[in-house]
All heavy atoms as atom14 arrays in JSON, in Angstrom:
{
  "sequence": "LRKDGVFPTEMAEQEGATRGMTSRSEPASSASLGHRSQILTVTDVALM",
  "atom14_mask": [
    [1, 1, 1, 1, 1, 1, 1, 1, 0, 0, 0, 0, 0, 0],
    [1, 1, 1, 1, 1, 1, 1, 1, 1, 1, 1, 0, 0, 0],
    [1, 1, 1, 1, 1, 1, 1, 1, 1, 0, 0, 0, 0, 0],
    [1, 1, 1, 1, 1, 1, 1, 1, 0, 0, 0, 0, 0, 0],
    [1, 1, 1, 1, 0, 0, 0, 0, 0, 0, 0, 0, 0, 0],
    [1, 1, 1, 1, 1, 1, 1, 0, 0, 0, 0, 0, 0, 0],
    [1, 1, 1, 1, 1, 1, 1, 1, 1, 1, 1, 0, 0, 0],
    [1, 1, 1, 1, 1, 1, 1, 0, 0, 0, 0, 0, 0, 0],
    [1, 1, 1, 1, 1, 1, 1, 0, 0, 0, 0, 0, 0, 0],
    [1, 1, 1, 1, 1, 1, 1, 1, 1, 0, 0, 0, 0, 0],
    [1, 1, 1, 1, 1, 1, 1, 1, 0, 0, 0, 0, 0, 0],
    [1, 1, 1, 1, 1, 0, 0, 0, 0, 0, 0, 0, 0, 0],
    [1, 1, 1, 1, 1, 1, 1, 1, 1, 0, 0, 0, 0, 0],
    [1, 1, 1, 1, 1, 1, 1, 1, 1, 0, 0, 0, 0, 0],
    [1, 1, 1, 1, 1, 1, 1, 1, 1, 0, 0, 0, 0, 0],
    [1, 1, 1, 1, 0, 0, 0, 0, 0, 0, 0, 0, 0, 0],
    [1, 1, 1, 1, 1, 0, 0, 0, 0, 0, 0, 0, 0, 0],
    [1, 1, 1, 1, 1, 1, 1, 0, 0, 0, 0, 0, 0, 0],
    [1, 1, 1, 1, 1, 1, 1, 1, 1, 1, 1, 0, 0, 0],
    [1, 1, 1, 1, 0, 0, 0, 0, 0, 0, 0, 0, 0, 0],
    [1, 1, 1, 1, 1, 1, 1, 1, 0, 0, 0, 0, 0, 0],
    [1, 1, 1, 1, 1, 1, 1, 0, 0, 0, 0, 0, 0, 0],
    [1, 1, 1, 1, 1, 1, 0, 0, 0, 0, 0, 0, 0, 0],
    [1, 1, 1, 1, 1, 1, 1, 1, 1, 1, 1, 0, 0, 0],
    [1, 1, 1, 1, 1, 1, 0, 0, 0, 0, 0, 0, 0, 0],
    [1, 1, 1, 1, 1, 1, 1, 1, 1, 0, 0, 0, 0, 0],
    [1, 1, 1, 1, 1, 1, 1, 0, 0, 0, 0, 0, 0, 0],
    [1, 1, 1, 1, 1, 0, 0, 0, 0, 0, 0, 0, 0, 0],
    [1, 1, 1, 1, 1, 1, 0, 0, 0, 0, 0, 0, 0, 0],
    [1, 1, 1, 1, 1, 1, 0, 0, 0, 0, 0, 0, 0, 0],
    [1, 1, 1, 1, 1, 0, 0, 0, 0, 0, 0, 0, 0, 0],
    [1, 1, 1, 1, 1, 1, 0, 0, 0, 0, 0, 0, 0, 0],
    [1, 1, 1, 1, 1, 1, 1, 1, 0, 0, 0, 0, 0, 0],
    [1, 1, 1, 1, 0, 0, 0, 0, 0, 0, 0, 0, 0, 0],
    [1, 1, 1, 1, 1, 1, 1, 1, 1, 1, 0, 0, 0, 0],
    [1, 1, 1, 1, 1, 1, 1, 1, 1, 1, 1, 0, 0, 0],
    [1, 1, 1, 1, 1, 1, 0, 0, 0, 0, 0, 0, 0, 0],
    [1, 1, 1, 1, 1, 1, 1, 1, 1, 0, 0, 0, 0, 0],
    [1, 1, 1, 1, 1, 1, 1, 1, 0, 0, 0, 0, 0, 0],
    [1, 1, 1, 1, 1, 1, 1, 1, 0, 0, 0, 0, 0, 0],
    [1, 1, 1, 1, 1, 1, 1, 0, 0, 0, 0, 0, 0, 0],
    [1, 1, 1, 1, 1, 1, 1, 0, 0, 0, 0, 0, 0, 0],
    [1, 1, 1, 1, 1, 1, 1, 0, 0, 0, 0, 0, 0, 0],
    [1, 1, 1, 1, 1, 1, 1, 1, 0, 0, 0, 0, 0, 0],
    [1, 1, 1, 1, 1, 1, 1, 0, 0, 0, 0, 0, 0, 0],
    [1, 1, 1, 1, 1, 0, 0, 0, 0, 0, 0, 0, 0, 0],
    [1, 1, 1, 1, 1, 1, 1, 1, 0, 0, 0, 0, 0, 0],
    [1, 1, 1, 1, 1, 1, 1, 1, 0, 0, 0, 0, 0, 0]
  ],
  "atom14_positions": [
    [[35.12, 23.32, 26.19], [36.23, 24.08, 26.75], [37.5, 23.24, 26.83], [38.6, 23.73, 26.56], [35.85, 24.6, 28.14], [34.78, 25.69, 28.17], [34.32, 25.97, 29.59], [35.31, 26.98, 27.54], [0.0, 0.0, 0.0], [0.0, 0.0, 0.0], [0.0, 0.0, 0.0], [0.0, 0.0, 0.0], [0.0, 0.0, 0.0], [0.0, 0.0, 0.0]],
    [[37.36, 21.97, 27.2], [38.54, 21.12, 27.3], [39.19, 20.91, 25.93], [40.41, 20.82, 25.82], [38.18, 19.77, 27.93], [37.97, 19.86, 29.44], [38.12, 18.49, 30.09], [37.08, 17.56, 29.64], [35.9, 17.44, 30.21], [35.59, 18.19, 31.25], [35.02, 16.58, 29.75], [0.0, 0.0, 0.0], [0.0, 0.0, 0.0], [0.0, 0.0, 0.0]],
    [[38.35, 20.85, 24.87], [38.91, 20.74, 23.52], [39.71, 21.98, 23.15], [40.68, 21.91, 22.36], [37.78, 20.52, 22.5], [37.17, 19.12, 22.56], [36.06, 18.98, 21.52], [35.44, 17.59, 21.59], [34.33, 17.43, 20.61], [0.0, 0.0, 0.0], [0.0, 0.0, 0.0], [0.0, 0.0, 0.0], [0.0, 0.0, 0.0], [0.0, 0.0, 0.0]],
    [[39.31, 23.12, 23.71], [40.04, 24.38, 23.45], [41.2, 24.59, 24.42], [41.84, 25.66, 24.39], [39.07, 25.57, 23.56], [37.99, 25.52, 22.48], [38.26, 24.92, 21.42], [36.9, 26.08, 22.7], [0.0, 0.0, 0.0], [0.0, 0.0, 0.0], [0.0, 0.0, 0.0], [0.0, 0.0, 0.0], [0.0, 0.0, 0.0], [0.0, 0.0, 0.0]],
    [[41.45, 23.59, 25.29], [42.57, 23.71, 26.23], [42.25, 24.51, 27.46], [43.17, 24.99, 28.14], [0.0, 0.0, 0.0], [0.0, 0.0, 0.0], [0.0, 0.0, 0.0], [0.0, 0.0, 0.0], [0.0, 0.0, 0.0], [0.0, 0.0, 0.0], [0.0, 0.0, 0.0], [0.0, 0.0, 0.0], [0.0, 0.0, 0.0], [0.0, 0.0, 0.0]],
    [[40.97, 24.67, 27.79], [40.56, 25.41, 28.97], [39.91, 24.42, 29.94], [39.07, 23.61, 29.55], [39.57, 26.54, 28.63], [39.09, 27.23, 29.9], [40.21, 27.54, 27.69], [0.0, 0.0, 0.0], [0.0, 0.0, 0.0], [0.0, 0.0, 0.0], [0.0, 0.0, 0.0], [0.0, 0.0, 0.0], [0.0, 0.0, 0.0], [0.0, 0.0, 0.0]],
    [[40.29, 24.52, 31.22], [39.76, 23.61, 32.24], [38.94, 24.43, 33.23], [39.5, 25.15, 34.07], [40.91, 22.89, 32.95], [41.77, 22.1, 32.01], [42.91, 22.67, 31.45], [41.43, 20.81, 31.66], [43.7, 21.96, 30.58], [42.22, 20.09, 30.79], [43.35, 20.67, 30.23], [0.0, 0.0, 0.0], [0.0, 0.0, 0.0], [0.0, 0.0, 0.0]],
    [[37.61, 24.38, 33.12], [36.76, 25.22, 33.98], [36.74, 24.73, 35.42], [36.71, 23.53, 35.68], [35.38, 25.07, 33.34], [35.42, 23.74, 32.66], [36.84, 23.55, 32.19], [0.0, 0.0, 0.0], [0.0, 0.0, 0.0], [0.0, 0.0, 0.0], [0.0, 0.0, 0.0], [0.0, 0.0, 0.0], [0.0, 0.0, 0.0], [0.0, 0.0, 0.0]],
    [[36.77, 25.68, 36.34], [36.64, 25.36, 37.77], [35.27, 25.78, 38.31], [34.79, 25.21, 39.28], [37.73, 26.08, 38.58], [37.62, 27.49, 38.36], [39.11, 25.6, 38.18], [0.0, 0.0, 0.0], [0.0, 0.0, 0.0], [0.0, 0.0, 0.0], [0.0, 0.0, 0.0], [0.0, 0.0, 0.0], [0.0, 0.0, 0.0], [0.0, 0.0, 0.0]],
    [[34.64, 26.77, 37.68], [33.31, 27.22, 38.06], [32.52, 27.52, 36.79], [33.07, 27.99, 35.79], [33.38, 28.47, 38.94], [34.11, 28.26, 40.25], [34.21, 29.54, 41.05], [33.15, 30.13, 41.34], [35.33, 29.96, 41.35], [0.0, 0.0, 0.0], [0.0, 0.0, 0.0], [0.0, 0.0, 0.0], [0.0, 0.0, 0.0], [0.0, 0.0, 0.0]],
    [[31.22, 27.23, 36.84], [30.39, 27.45, 35.66], [28.97, 27.75, 36.09], [28.45, 27.12, 37.04], [30.44, 26.21, 34.76], [29.65, 26.37, 33.46], [29.89, 24.95, 32.37], [31.61, 25.15, 31.94], [0.0, 0.0, 0.0], [0.0, 0.0, 0.0], [0.0, 0.0, 0.0], [0.0, 0.0, 0.0], [0.0, 0.0, 0.0], [0.0, 0.0, 0.0]],
    [[28.34, 28.71, 35.43], [26.96, 29.07, 35.75], [26.23, 29.43, 34.45], [26.8, 30.08, 33.56], [26.9, 30.24, 36.72], [0.0, 0.0, 0.0], [0.0, 0.0, 0.0], [0.0, 0.0, 0.0], [0.0, 0.0, 0.0], [0.0, 0.0, 0.0], [0.0, 0.0, 0.0], [0.0, 0.0, 0.0], [0.0, 0.0, 0.0], [0.0, 0.0, 0.0]],
    [[24.99, 28.97, 34.35], [24.18, 29.29, 33.17], [23.63, 30.71, 33.3], [23.14, 31.1, 34.36], [23.02, 28.3, 33.06], [22.18, 28.51, 31.81], [21.06, 27.5, 31.69], [21.03, 26.56, 32.53], [20.22, 27.63, 30.78], [0.0, 0.0, 0.0], [0.0, 0.0, 0.0], [0.0, 0.0, 0.0], [0.0, 0.0, 0.0], [0.0, 0.0, 0.0]],
    [[23.73, 31.47, 32.24], [23.23, 32.85, 32.23], [21.77, 32.84, 31.81], [21.43, 32.7, 30.65], [24.05, 33.71, 31.26], [25.47, 33.98, 31.74], [26.19, 34.96, 30.84], [25.96, 35.01, 29.64], [27.09, 35.75, 31.42], [0.0, 0.0, 0.0], [0.0, 0.0, 0.0], [0.0, 0.0, 0.0], [0.0, 0.0, 0.0], [0.0, 0.0, 0.0]],
    [[20.91, 33.0, 32.81], [19.47, 33.08, 32.56], [18.92, 34.26, 33.33], [18.55, 34.18, 34.49], [18.76, 31.8, 33.0], [19.05, 30.61, 32.11], [18.26, 29.38, 32.55], [17.65, 29.43, 33.64], [18.25, 28.4, 31.82], [0.0, 0.0, 0.0], [0.0, 0.0, 0.0], [0.0, 0.0, 0.0], [0.0, 0.0, 0.0], [0.0, 0.0, 0.0]],
    [[18.92, 35.39, 32.68], [18.39, 36.59, 33.33], [19.21, 37.01, 34.53], [18.73, 37.73, 35.39], [0.0, 0.0, 0.0], [0.0, 0.0, 0.0], [0.0, 0.0, 0.0], [0.0, 0.0, 0.0], [0.0, 0.0, 0.0], [0.0, 0.0, 0.0], [0.0, 0.0, 0.0], [0.0, 0.0, 0.0], [0.0, 0.0, 0.0], [0.0, 0.0, 0.0]],
    [[20.44, 36.53, 34.55], [21.38, 36.88, 35.63], [20.82, 36.52, 37.0], [21.03, 37.17, 37.99], [21.73, 38.35, 35.59], [0.0, 0.0, 0.0], [0.0, 0.0, 0.0], [0.0, 0.0, 0.0], [0.0, 0.0, 0.0], [0.0, 0.0, 0.0], [0.0, 0.0, 0.0], [0.0, 0.0, 0.0], [0.0, 0.0, 0.0], [0.0, 0.0, 0.0]],
    [[20.03, 35.44, 37.04], [19.43, 35.04, 38.31], [20.23, 33.97, 39.01], [20.11, 33.81, 40.2], [18.0, 34.5, 38.08], [18.07, 33.42, 37.14], [17.12, 35.6, 37.53], [0.0, 0.0, 0.0], [0.0, 0.0, 0.0], [0.0, 0.0, 0.0], [0.0, 0.0, 0.0], [0.0, 0.0, 0.0], [0.0, 0.0, 0.0], [0.0, 0.0, 0.0]],
    [[21.08, 33.25, 38.28], [21.85, 32.18, 38.91], [23.27, 32.64, 39.16], [23.85, 33.35, 38.36], [21.89, 30.94, 38.0], [20.55, 30.25, 37.85], [20.71, 28.94, 37.12], [19.45, 28.29, 36.9], [19.31, 27.13, 36.31], [20.36, 26.49, 35.86], [18.11, 26.61, 36.14], [0.0, 0.0, 0.0], [0.0, 0.0, 0.0], [0.0, 0.0, 0.0]],
    [[23.81, 32.21, 40.26], [25.21, 32.51, 40.56], [26.09, 31.37, 40.14], [25.65, 30.37, 39.57], [0.0, 0.0, 0.0], [0.0, 0.0, 0.0], [0.0, 0.0, 0.0], [0.0, 0.0, 0.0], [0.0, 0.0, 0.0], [0.0, 0.0, 0.0], [0.0, 0.0, 0.0], [0.0, 0.0, 0.0], [0.0, 0.0, 0.0], [0.0, 0.0, 0.0]],
    [[27.33, 31.51, 40.44], [28.3, 30.47, 40.11], [28.01, 29.22, 40.94], [27.78, 29.28, 42.12], [29.73, 30.95, 40.42], [30.26, 31.97, 39.42], [30.61, 31.16, 37.87], [31.44, 32.49, 37.0], [0.0, 0.0, 0.0], [0.0, 0.0, 0.0], [0.0, 0.0, 0.0], [0.0, 0.0, 0.0], [0.0, 0.0, 0.0], [0.0, 0.0, 0.0]],
    [[28.01, 28.1, 40.27], [27.86, 26.83, 40.98], [29.2, 26.38, 41.48], [30.23, 26.84, 41.05], [27.28, 25.76, 40.04], [28.2, 25.56, 38.97], [25.93, 26.16, 39.51], [0.0, 0.0, 0.0], [0.0, 0.0, 0.0], [0.0, 0.0, 0.0], [0.0, 0.0, 0.0], [0.0, 0.0, 0.0], [0.0, 0.0, 0.0], [0.0, 0.0, 0.0]],
    [[29.14, 25.47, 42.4], [30.41, 24.94, 42.91], [31.08, 24.11, 41.84], [30.43, 23.56, 40.97], [30.14, 24.08, 44.15], [29.31, 23.0, 43.81], [0.0, 0.0, 0.0], [0.0, 0.0, 0.0], [0.0, 0.0, 0.0], [0.0, 0.0, 0.0], [0.0, 0.0, 0.0], [0.0, 0.0, 0.0], [0.0, 0.0, 0.0], [0.0, 0.0, 0.0]],
    [[32.38, 23.99, 41.94], [33.15, 23.27, 40.94], [32.72, 21.82, 40.92], [32.38, 21.22, 41.92], [34.66, 23.37, 41.23], [35.05, 22.92, 42.57], [36.56, 22.99, 42.69], [37.01, 24.35, 42.56], [37.39, 25.1, 43.57], [37.36, 24.63, 44.77], [37.82, 26.34, 43.38], [0.0, 0.0, 0.0], [0.0, 0.0, 0.0], [0.0, 0.0, 0.0]],
    [[32.73, 21.25, 39.74], [32.26, 19.88, 39.57], [33.26, 18.89, 40.11], [34.45, 19.15, 40.12], [32.0, 19.6, 38.09], [33.2, 19.72, 37.36], [0.0, 0.0, 0.0], [0.0, 0.0, 0.0], [0.0, 0.0, 0.0], [0.0, 0.0, 0.0], [0.0, 0.0, 0.0], [0.0, 0.0, 0.0], [0.0, 0.0, 0.0], [0.0, 0.0, 0.0]],
    [[32.76, 17.73, 40.52], [33.61, 16.68, 41.04], [33.2, 15.37, 40.4], [32.03, 15.09, 40.22], [33.48, 16.57, 42.56], [33.9, 17.82, 43.28], [33.78, 17.64, 44.77], [33.49, 16.52, 45.21], [33.96, 18.62, 45.49], [0.0, 0.0, 0.0], [0.0, 0.0, 0.0], [0.0, 0.0, 0.0], [0.0, 0.0, 0.0], [0.0, 0.0, 0.0]],
    [[34.16, 14.52, 40.08], [33.82, 13.22, 39.56], [33.21, 12.35, 40.64], [33.38, 12.57, 41.83], [35.18, 12.66, 39.1], [36.17, 13.38, 39.91], [35.59, 14.73, 40.18], [0.0, 0.0, 0.0], [0.0, 0.0, 0.0], [0.0, 0.0, 0.0], [0.0, 0.0, 0.0], [0.0, 0.0, 0.0], [0.0, 0.0, 0.0], [0.0, 0.0, 0.0]],
    [[32.52, 11.3, 40.2], [31.81, 10.45, 41.15], [32.74, 9.78, 42.14], [32.37, 9.51, 43.27], [31.02, 9.38, 40.39], [0.0, 0.0, 0.0], [0.0, 0.0, 0.0], [0.0, 0.0, 0.0], [0.0, 0.0, 0.0], [0.0, 0.0, 0.0], [0.0, 0.0, 0.0], [0.0, 0.0, 0.0], [0.0, 0.0, 0.0], [0.0, 0.0, 0.0]],
    [[33.98, 9.53, 41.72], [34.9, 8.82, 42.59], [35.53, 9.69, 43.65], [36.21, 9.2, 44.54], [36.03, 8.18, 41.76], [36.77, 9.2, 41.1], [0.0, 0.0, 0.0], [0.0, 0.0, 0.0], [0.0, 0.0, 0.0], [0.0, 0.0, 0.0], [0.0, 0.0, 0.0], [0.0, 0.0, 0.0], [0.0, 0.0, 0.0], [0.0, 0.0, 0.0]],
    [[35.32, 10.99, 43.59], [36.02, 11.89, 44.51], [35.5, 11.83, 45.91], [36.15, 12.27, 46.84], [35.94, 13.34, 44.0], [34.6, 13.78, 44.05], [0.0, 0.0, 0.0], [0.0, 0.0, 0.0], [0.0, 0.0, 0.0], [0.0, 0.0, 0.0], [0.0, 0.0, 0.0], [0.0, 0.0, 0.0], [0.0, 0.0, 0.0], [0.0, 0.0, 0.0]],
    [[34.32, 11.3, 46.11], [33.75, 11.3, 47.45], [34.58, 10.51, 48.44], [34.63, 10.81, 49.62], [32.33, 10.73, 47.4], [0.0, 0.0, 0.0], [0.0, 0.0, 0.0], [0.0, 0.0, 0.0], [0.0, 0.0, 0.0], [0.0, 0.0, 0.0], [0.0, 0.0, 0.0], [0.0, 0.0, 0.0], [0.0, 0.0, 0.0], [0.0, 0.0, 0.0]],
    [[35.23, 9.5, 47.93], [36.0, 8.64, 48.82], [37.47, 9.0, 48.9], [38.23, 8.38, 49.63], [35.89, 7.18, 48.36], [36.42, 7.04, 47.05], [0.0, 0.0, 0.0], [0.0, 0.0, 0.0], [0.0, 0.0, 0.0], [0.0, 0.0, 0.0], [0.0, 0.0, 0.0], [0.0, 0.0, 0.0], [0.0, 0.0, 0.0], [0.0, 0.0, 0.0]],
    [[37.91, 10.03, 48.14], [39.34, 10.32, 48.08], [39.9, 10.76, 49.41], [40.99, 10.36, 49.79], [39.61, 11.4, 47.01], [39.26, 11.01, 45.57], [39.64, 12.15, 44.64], [39.93, 9.73, 45.15], [0.0, 0.0, 0.0], [0.0, 0.0, 0.0], [0.0, 0.0, 0.0], [0.0, 0.0, 0.0], [0.0, 0.0, 0.0], [0.0, 0.0, 0.0]],
    [[39.17, 11.6, 50.13], [39.69, 12.13, 51.38], [39.77, 11.09, 52.48], [40.4, 11.3, 53.5], [0.0, 0.0, 0.0], [0.0, 0.0, 0.0], [0.0, 0.0, 0.0], [0.0, 0.0, 0.0], [0.0, 0.0, 0.0], [0.0, 0.0, 0.0], [0.0, 0.0, 0.0], [0.0, 0.0, 0.0], [0.0, 0.0, 0.0], [0.0, 0.0, 0.0]],
    [[39.14, 9.9, 52.28], [39.13, 8.88, 53.32], [40.22, 7.85, 53.13], [40.32, 6.91, 53.89], [37.75, 8.2, 53.34], [36.62, 9.16, 53.59], [36.38, 9.71, 54.83], [35.68, 9.67, 52.76], [35.31, 10.52, 54.76], [34.88, 10.51, 53.51], [0.0, 0.0, 0.0], [0.0, 0.0, 0.0], [0.0, 0.0, 0.0], [0.0, 0.0, 0.0]],
    [[41.01, 7.98, 52.08], [42.07, 7.02, 51.86], [43.21, 7.23, 52.85], [43.42, 8.31, 53.38], [42.63, 7.17, 50.44], [41.67, 6.71, 49.35], [42.38, 6.82, 48.02], [41.54, 6.36, 46.93], [41.93, 6.35, 45.67], [43.13, 6.81, 45.37], [41.15, 5.92, 44.73], [0.0, 0.0, 0.0], [0.0, 0.0, 0.0], [0.0, 0.0, 0.0]],
    [[43.94, 6.16, 53.08], [45.14, 6.29, 53.9], [46.24, 6.94, 53.07], [46.12, 7.07, 51.85], [45.58, 4.91, 54.39], [45.85, 4.07, 53.28], [0.0, 0.0, 0.0], [0.0, 0.0, 0.0], [0.0, 0.0, 0.0], [0.0, 0.0, 0.0], [0.0, 0.0, 0.0], [0.0, 0.0, 0.0], [0.0, 0.0, 0.0], [0.0, 0.0, 0.0]],
    [[47.31, 7.33, 53.74], [48.39, 8.01, 53.05], [49.03, 7.09, 52.02], [49.33, 5.94, 52.3], [49.46, 8.48, 54.04], [50.58, 9.27, 53.39], [51.56, 9.81, 54.41], [51.38, 9.64, 55.6], [52.59, 10.47, 53.94], [0.0, 0.0, 0.0], [0.0, 0.0, 0.0], [0.0, 0.0, 0.0], [0.0, 0.0, 0.0], [0.0, 0.0, 0.0]],
    [[49.23, 7.61, 50.81], [49.81, 6.85, 49.72], [51.22, 7.34, 49.42], [52.14, 6.55, 49.21], [48.93, 6.94, 48.45], [47.57, 6.28, 48.71], [49.61, 6.29, 47.26], [46.58, 6.44, 47.58], [0.0, 0.0, 0.0], [0.0, 0.0, 0.0], [0.0, 0.0, 0.0], [0.0, 0.0, 0.0], [0.0, 0.0, 0.0], [0.0, 0.0, 0.0]],
    [[51.41, 8.65, 49.41], [52.68, 9.24, 49.02], [53.51, 9.61, 50.24], [53.0, 10.17, 51.21], [52.44, 10.51, 48.19], [51.64, 10.36, 46.88], [51.42, 11.72, 46.26], [52.34, 9.44, 45.91], [0.0, 0.0, 0.0], [0.0, 0.0, 0.0], [0.0, 0.0, 0.0], [0.0, 0.0, 0.0], [0.0, 0.0, 0.0], [0.0, 0.0, 0.0]],
    [[54.8, 9.29, 50.17], [55.74, 9.8, 51.17], [56.19, 11.2, 50.72], [55.91, 11.62, 49.59], [56.96, 8.88, 51.28], [57.66, 8.88, 50.02], [56.53, 7.46, 51.62], [0.0, 0.0, 0.0], [0.0, 0.0, 0.0], [0.0, 0.0, 0.0], [0.0, 0.0, 0.0], [0.0, 0.0, 0.0], [0.0, 0.0, 0.0], [0.0, 0.0, 0.0]],
    [[56.88, 11.9, 51.61], [57.38, 13.23, 51.25], [58.36, 13.13, 50.09], [58.38, 13.99, 49.2], [58.05, 13.9, 52.46], [58.58, 15.28, 52.09], [57.07, 14.02, 53.62], [0.0, 0.0, 0.0], [0.0, 0.0, 0.0], [0.0, 0.0, 0.0], [0.0, 0.0, 0.0], [0.0, 0.0, 0.0], [0.0, 0.0, 0.0], [0.0, 0.0, 0.0]],
    [[59.15, 12.07, 50.06], [60.08, 11.85, 48.95], [59.33, 11.67, 47.64], [59.72, 12.21, 46.6], [60.95, 10.61, 49.23], [61.6, 10.77, 50.5], [62.0, 10.44, 48.15], [0.0, 0.0, 0.0], [0.0, 0.0, 0.0], [0.0, 0.0, 0.0], [0.0, 0.0, 0.0], [0.0, 0.0, 0.0], [0.0, 0.0, 0.0], [0.0, 0.0, 0.0]],
    [[58.24, 10.9, 47.67], [57.42, 10.7, 46.47], [56.84, 12.03, 45.98], [56.85, 12.32, 44.78], [56.27, 9.73, 46.76], [56.76, 8.31, 47.01], [57.81, 7.95, 46.47], [56.08, 7.58, 47.77], [0.0, 0.0, 0.0], [0.0, 0.0, 0.0], [0.0, 0.0, 0.0], [0.0, 0.0, 0.0], [0.0, 0.0, 0.0], [0.0, 0.0, 0.0]],
    [[56.34, 12.84, 46.91], [55.74, 14.13, 46.54], [56.78, 15.05, 45.93], [56.53, 15.72, 44.92], [55.08, 14.79, 47.77], [54.56, 16.18, 47.41], [53.93, 13.94, 48.29], [0.0, 0.0, 0.0], [0.0, 0.0, 0.0], [0.0, 0.0, 0.0], [0.0, 0.0, 0.0], [0.0, 0.0, 0.0], [0.0, 0.0, 0.0], [0.0, 0.0, 0.0]],
    [[57.97, 15.1, 46.53], [59.04, 15.96, 46.01], [59.45, 15.54, 44.61], [59.61, 16.38, 43.71], [60.25, 15.92, 46.95], [0.0, 0.0, 0.0], [0.0, 0.0, 0.0], [0.0, 0.0, 0.0], [0.0, 0.0, 0.0], [0.0, 0.0, 0.0], [0.0, 0.0, 0.0], [0.0, 0.0, 0.0], [0.0, 0.0, 0.0], [0.0, 0.0, 0.0]],
    [[59.6, 14.23, 44.4], [60.0, 13.73, 43.07], [58.91, 13.99, 42.04], [59.19, 14.46, 40.93], [60.29, 12.23, 43.17], [60.71, 11.54, 41.87], [61.99, 12.15, 41.32], [60.89, 10.03, 42.1], [0.0, 0.0, 0.0], [0.0, 0.0, 0.0], [0.0, 0.0, 0.0], [0.0, 0.0, 0.0], [0.0, 0.0, 0.0], [0.0, 0.0, 0.0]],
    [[57.65, 13.73, 42.41], [56.55, 13.94, 41.49], [56.4, 15.42, 41.14], [56.13, 15.77, 39.98], [55.25, 13.42, 42.11], [54.07, 13.4, 41.17], [52.57, 12.74, 41.93], [51.99, 14.2, 42.79], [0.0, 0.0, 0.0], [0.0, 0.0, 0.0], [0.0, 0.0, 0.0], [0.0, 0.0, 0.0], [0.0, 0.0, 0.0], [0.0, 0.0, 0.0]]
  ]
}
């Protein structure tokens, strides 16, 4: 999908319609992201 320019947020395998949508995938490093101290100021966010 990424090669086709599509970025999936949810994905589920179709097997007899028994499975629902799985939660969106996360990279291994994301577990610690919410615990970081503030990096960006409001000025940085506005410029970015």
